[in-house]
Amino acid sequence: MIDKLVGIYNANGSFFGELAYLFGKLTGYSDCALCDITHGPLKGKTDFRDARQALGIPFDNLHLDELGPDLQSFKSSAPCIVVICDSQYSLLVTRAELKQCKGDVDQLFELIKTKAL
């Protein structure tokens, strides 16, 4: 039984963190495949929000500077998705798997369903 999913962005959530990520993305020095899936050019994707709700499992997304002690060990794996079951934390979707989704919300949720349900 899954208690929760946590997506971890490869970026900090502060104003300056977001700005640094945007600059890095534009110059090719940073990327975040999870950001590409959850966000369009200017705002969050409605498709992602709807799919997350339809999944029926709590699913939060956090930035690197928002991680609590239990998630710190996944910082170097970001972007990724972690599954929490009975207070046990495990990597569910890797950076490479997120990249293979190529920004496609449906591909991500098919992958999650295949691996977790």
Protein backbone atom coordinates (compact mmCIF):
# COMPACT_ATOMS: atom_id res chain seq x y z
CA MET A 1 0.00 0.00 0.00
CA ILE A 2 1.44 3.33 -1.08
CA ASP A 3 1.16 6.17 1.39
CA LYS A 4 2.53 8.91 -0.83
CA LEU A 5 4.60 9.83 -3.88
CA VAL A 6 7.08 12.69 -3.82
CA GLY A 7 8.52 14.21 -6.96
CA ILE A 8 11.83 15.96 -6.38
CA TYR A 9 12.72 18.76 -8.78
CA ASN A 10 16.35 19.38 -9.69
CA ALA A 11 16.05 23.03 -8.64
CA ASN A 12 15.64 25.17 -5.56
CA GLY A 13 12.20 26.65 -4.93
CA SER A 14 13.26 30.11 -3.79
CA PHE A 15 12.94 33.09 -6.11
CA PHE A 16 16.69 33.06 -6.76
CA GLY A 17 16.69 29.27 -7.13
CA GLU A 18 13.98 29.46 -9.78
CA LEU A 19 15.84 32.26 -11.52
CA ALA A 20 19.10 30.27 -11.48
CA TYR A 21 17.28 27.24 -12.89
CA LEU A 22 15.71 29.31 -15.67
CA PHE A 23 19.07 30.82 -16.58
CA GLY A 24 20.70 27.38 -16.50
CA LYS A 25 17.98 25.89 -18.67
CA LEU A 26 18.28 28.68 -21.24
CA THR A 27 22.06 28.32 -21.37
CA GLY A 28 22.06 24.51 -21.30
CA TYR A 29 23.74 24.19 -17.90
CA SER A 30 20.76 22.74 -16.03
CA ASP A 31 17.75 20.67 -16.75
CA CYS A 32 14.96 18.96 -14.87
CA ALA A 33 12.91 16.33 -16.65
CA LEU A 34 10.30 16.49 -13.88
CA CYS A 35 9.89 20.24 -14.47
CA ASP A 36 9.38 19.51 -18.17
CA ILE A 37 6.57 17.11 -17.28
CA THR A 38 4.81 19.23 -14.66
CA HIS A 39 5.22 22.69 -16.17
CA GLY A 40 4.76 24.41 -19.50
CA PRO A 41 6.62 27.57 -20.50
CA LEU A 42 4.75 29.82 -18.07
CA LYS A 43 2.75 27.74 -15.60
CA GLY A 44 1.93 24.27 -14.34
CA LYS A 45 0.34 21.83 -16.77
CA THR A 46 -3.36 21.17 -16.22
CA ASP A 47 -2.85 17.63 -17.56
CA PHE A 48 -0.39 16.91 -14.77
CA ARG A 49 -2.67 18.30 -12.08
CA ASP A 50 -5.61 16.25 -13.40
CA ALA A 51 -3.58 13.02 -13.71
CA ARG A 52 -2.18 13.47 -10.21
CA GLN A 53 -5.71 13.85 -8.81
CA ALA A 54 -7.02 10.85 -10.78
CA LEU A 55 -4.21 8.66 -9.43
CA GLY A 56 -5.83 8.66 -6.01
CA ILE A 57 -2.53 8.64 -4.13
CA PRO A 58 -1.15 11.75 -2.40
CA PHE A 59 1.54 13.13 -4.71
CA ASP A 60 3.63 16.14 -3.72
CA ASN A 61 6.42 17.83 -5.62
CA LEU A 62 9.29 19.41 -3.73
CA HIS A 63 12.35 21.45 -4.64
CA LEU A 64 15.83 20.60 -3.39
CA ASP A 65 15.68 23.29 -0.69
CA GLU A 66 12.32 21.97 0.58
CA LEU A 67 13.42 18.41 1.38
CA GLY A 68 13.04 17.17 4.94
CA PRO A 69 15.53 14.86 6.62
CA ASP A 70 13.80 11.71 5.31
CA LEU A 71 14.23 12.82 1.69
CA GLN A 72 17.75 14.28 1.85
CA SER A 73 19.30 11.02 0.68
CA PHE A 74 17.47 11.38 -2.66
CA LYS A 75 18.87 14.85 -3.38
CA SER A 76 21.64 13.48 -5.60
CA SER A 77 19.07 11.46 -7.59
CA ALA A 78 16.99 14.52 -8.52
CA PRO A 79 14.94 14.82 -10.51
CA CYS A 80 13.18 11.68 -9.39
CA ILE A 81 10.03 10.34 -7.80
CA VAL A 82 10.13 8.66 -4.41
CA VAL A 83 7.48 6.28 -3.10
CA ILE A 84 6.66 6.13 0.61
CA CYS A 85 5.18 2.88 1.98
CA ASP A 86 4.91 2.19 5.71
CA SER A 87 7.47 4.92 6.49
CA GLN A 88 9.94 3.35 4.02
CA TYR A 89 11.30 5.62 1.27
CA SER A 90 12.33 4.14 -2.09
CA LEU A 91 13.26 5.50 -5.48
CA LEU A 92 10.36 4.78 -7.84
CA VAL A 93 11.17 6.77 -10.99
CA THR A 94 14.76 7.65 -11.85
CA ARG A 95 16.20 10.67 -13.60
CA ALA A 96 16.73 8.60 -16.77
CA GLU A 97 13.14 7.35 -16.74
CA LEU A 98 11.81 10.89 -16.31
CA LYS A 99 13.96 12.00 -19.22
CA GLN A 100 12.55 9.19 -21.39
CA CYS A 101 9.06 10.64 -20.82
CA LYS A 102 10.16 13.70 -22.85
CA GLY A 103 7.79 16.03 -21.02
CA ASP A 104 4.76 13.80 -21.60
CA VAL A 105 2.39 13.62 -18.63
CA ASP A 106 0.65 10.45 -19.84
CA GLN A 107 3.94 8.57 -20.21
CA LEU A 108 4.90 9.45 -16.65
CA PHE A 109 1.63 8.26 -15.17
CA GLU A 110 1.71 5.03 -17.19
CA LEU A 111 5.20 4.43 -15.81
CA ILE A 112 4.04 5.15 -12.26
CA LYS A 113 1.07 2.79 -12.62
CA THR A 114 3.29 0.07 -14.05
CA LYS A 115 5.89 0.35 -11.29
CA ALA A 116 3.75 1.15 -8.27
CA LEU A 117 0.26 -0.25 -8.68
